[in-house]
């Protein structure tokens, strides 16, 4: 578990050192990707449950 925490700290330091625009774009891209994946899964899950009734 300690290695994961070290890796996360290193990643955050590297993002902080890089130009600010890249960090913002990377975070927004990840947020949009996770949100799209979640909403797609919820839609398909609800559709599948409705079809089973």
N, C-alpha and C. Protein backbone atom coordinates (compact mmCIF):
# COMPACT_ATOMS: atom_id res chain seq x y z
N UNK A 1 0.82 -1.19 0.00
CA UNK A 1 0.00 0.00 0.00
C UNK A 1 0.87 1.25 0.00
N UNK A 2 2.01 1.18 0.64
CA UNK A 2 2.90 2.33 0.70
C UNK A 2 3.43 2.73 -0.67
N UNK A 3 3.63 1.73 -1.54
CA UNK A 3 4.14 2.01 -2.88
C UNK A 3 3.09 2.79 -3.69
N UNK A 4 1.83 2.45 -3.52
CA UNK A 4 0.77 3.16 -4.24
C UNK A 4 0.72 4.62 -3.80
N UNK A 5 0.83 4.85 -2.51
CA UNK A 5 0.81 6.22 -2.00
C UNK A 5 2.01 6.99 -2.54
N UNK A 6 3.18 6.35 -2.59
CA UNK A 6 4.37 6.99 -3.14
C UNK A 6 4.15 7.33 -4.61
N UNK A 7 3.58 6.40 -5.37
CA UNK A 7 3.32 6.65 -6.79
C UNK A 7 2.34 7.80 -7.00
N UNK A 8 1.30 7.85 -6.17
CA UNK A 8 0.33 8.93 -6.28
C UNK A 8 0.97 10.28 -5.96
N UNK A 9 1.80 10.32 -4.94
CA UNK A 9 2.48 11.56 -4.60
C UNK A 9 3.41 12.00 -5.72
N UNK A 10 4.13 11.04 -6.31
CA UNK A 10 5.02 11.36 -7.42
C UNK A 10 4.23 11.90 -8.61
N UNK A 11 3.11 11.24 -8.91
CA UNK A 11 2.28 11.68 -10.04
C UNK A 11 1.76 13.10 -9.81
N UNK A 12 1.31 13.38 -8.60
CA UNK A 12 0.80 14.72 -8.30
C UNK A 12 1.91 15.77 -8.39
N UNK A 13 3.10 15.43 -7.93
CA UNK A 13 4.22 16.36 -8.05
C UNK A 13 4.55 16.65 -9.51
N UNK A 14 4.54 15.59 -10.33
CA UNK A 14 4.85 15.78 -11.75
C UNK A 14 3.78 16.62 -12.44
N UNK A 15 2.52 16.39 -12.11
CA UNK A 15 1.45 17.21 -12.69
C UNK A 15 1.58 18.66 -12.25
N UNK A 16 2.00 18.85 -11.01
CA UNK A 16 2.15 20.21 -10.50
C UNK A 16 3.29 20.94 -11.21
N UNK A 17 4.37 20.22 -11.55
CA UNK A 17 5.52 20.83 -12.20
C UNK A 17 5.26 21.12 -13.67
N UNK A 18 4.40 20.34 -14.30
CA UNK A 18 4.13 20.54 -15.72
C UNK A 18 3.29 21.80 -15.91
N UNK A 19 3.21 22.27 -17.14
CA UNK A 19 2.39 23.47 -17.37
C UNK A 19 0.96 23.27 -16.88
N UNK A 20 0.38 24.32 -16.31
CA UNK A 20 -0.94 24.24 -15.71
C UNK A 20 -2.03 23.82 -16.67
N UNK A 21 -1.92 24.21 -17.92
CA UNK A 21 -2.94 23.86 -18.90
C UNK A 21 -3.05 22.36 -19.10
N UNK A 22 -1.92 21.68 -19.11
CA UNK A 22 -1.95 20.23 -19.30
C UNK A 22 -2.67 19.54 -18.15
N UNK A 23 -2.41 19.98 -16.94
CA UNK A 23 -3.05 19.38 -15.77
C UNK A 23 -4.55 19.54 -15.85
N UNK A 24 -5.00 20.73 -16.19
CA UNK A 24 -6.44 20.99 -16.28
C UNK A 24 -7.07 20.12 -17.36
N UNK A 25 -6.43 20.04 -18.52
CA UNK A 25 -6.96 19.24 -19.61
C UNK A 25 -6.98 17.76 -19.23
N UNK A 26 -5.94 17.29 -18.56
CA UNK A 26 -5.89 15.88 -18.16
C UNK A 26 -7.00 15.56 -17.16
N UNK A 27 -7.22 16.42 -16.19
CA UNK A 27 -8.26 16.18 -15.18
C UNK A 27 -9.65 16.24 -15.81
N UNK A 28 -9.88 17.21 -16.67
CA UNK A 28 -11.20 17.32 -17.32
C UNK A 28 -11.46 16.13 -18.22
N UNK A 29 -10.44 15.69 -18.97
CA UNK A 29 -10.59 14.53 -19.84
C UNK A 29 -10.92 13.28 -19.04
N UNK A 30 -10.23 13.08 -17.93
CA UNK A 30 -10.53 11.92 -17.08
C UNK A 30 -11.94 12.01 -16.50
N UNK A 31 -12.33 13.19 -16.05
CA UNK A 31 -13.66 13.36 -15.47
C UNK A 31 -14.75 13.08 -16.51
N UNK A 32 -14.58 13.59 -17.72
CA UNK A 32 -15.57 13.35 -18.77
C UNK A 32 -15.63 11.87 -19.15
N UNK A 33 -14.47 11.24 -19.24
CA UNK A 33 -14.44 9.81 -19.57
C UNK A 33 -15.11 8.95 -18.52
N UNK A 34 -14.83 9.24 -17.26
CA UNK A 34 -15.44 8.47 -16.17
C UNK A 34 -16.95 8.73 -16.14
N UNK A 35 -17.35 9.98 -16.32
CA UNK A 35 -18.78 10.31 -16.32
C UNK A 35 -19.52 9.64 -17.47
N UNK A 36 -18.93 9.66 -18.66
CA UNK A 36 -19.56 9.02 -19.82
C UNK A 36 -19.67 7.51 -19.62
N UNK A 37 -18.63 6.92 -19.08
CA UNK A 37 -18.64 5.48 -18.83
C UNK A 37 -19.70 5.12 -17.81
N UNK A 38 -19.81 5.90 -16.75
CA UNK A 38 -20.80 5.64 -15.71
C UNK A 38 -22.22 5.77 -16.24
N UNK A 39 -22.48 6.83 -17.00
CA UNK A 39 -23.84 7.02 -17.50
C UNK A 39 -24.21 5.96 -18.52
N UNK A 40 -23.26 5.55 -19.36
CA UNK A 40 -23.53 4.48 -20.33
C UNK A 40 -23.84 3.17 -19.61
N UNK A 41 -23.05 2.84 -18.60
CA UNK A 41 -23.28 1.61 -17.86
C UNK A 41 -24.64 1.64 -17.16
N UNK A 42 -24.99 2.77 -16.57
CA UNK A 42 -26.28 2.87 -15.88
C UNK A 42 -27.43 2.71 -16.86
N UNK A 43 -27.33 3.30 -18.05
CA UNK A 43 -28.37 3.18 -19.06
C UNK A 43 -28.52 1.72 -19.51
N UNK A 44 -27.39 1.08 -19.81
CA UNK A 44 -27.44 -0.31 -20.27
C UNK A 44 -27.94 -1.24 -19.18
N UNK A 45 -27.54 -0.98 -17.95
CA UNK A 45 -27.97 -1.79 -16.82
C UNK A 45 -29.47 -1.66 -16.62
N UNK A 46 -29.99 -0.43 -16.68
CA UNK A 46 -31.43 -0.22 -16.52
C UNK A 46 -32.19 -0.88 -17.67
N UNK A 47 -31.66 -0.78 -18.90
CA UNK A 47 -32.31 -1.40 -20.05
C UNK A 47 -32.35 -2.91 -19.91
N UNK A 48 -31.26 -3.50 -19.44
CA UNK A 48 -31.21 -4.94 -19.28
C UNK A 48 -32.16 -5.40 -18.18
N UNK A 49 -32.24 -4.65 -17.10
CA UNK A 49 -33.16 -5.02 -16.02
C UNK A 49 -34.60 -4.91 -16.48
N UNK A 50 -34.91 -3.90 -17.27
CA UNK A 50 -36.27 -3.73 -17.76
C UNK A 50 -36.64 -4.86 -18.73
N UNK A 51 -35.71 -5.30 -19.52
CA UNK A 51 -35.95 -6.36 -20.48
C UNK A 51 -36.19 -7.70 -19.76
N UNK A 52 -35.64 -7.85 -18.58
CA UNK A 52 -35.78 -9.11 -17.83
C UNK A 52 -37.12 -9.21 -17.12
N UNK A 53 -37.85 -8.13 -17.00
CA UNK A 53 -39.11 -8.16 -16.26
C UNK A 53 -40.21 -8.74 -17.07
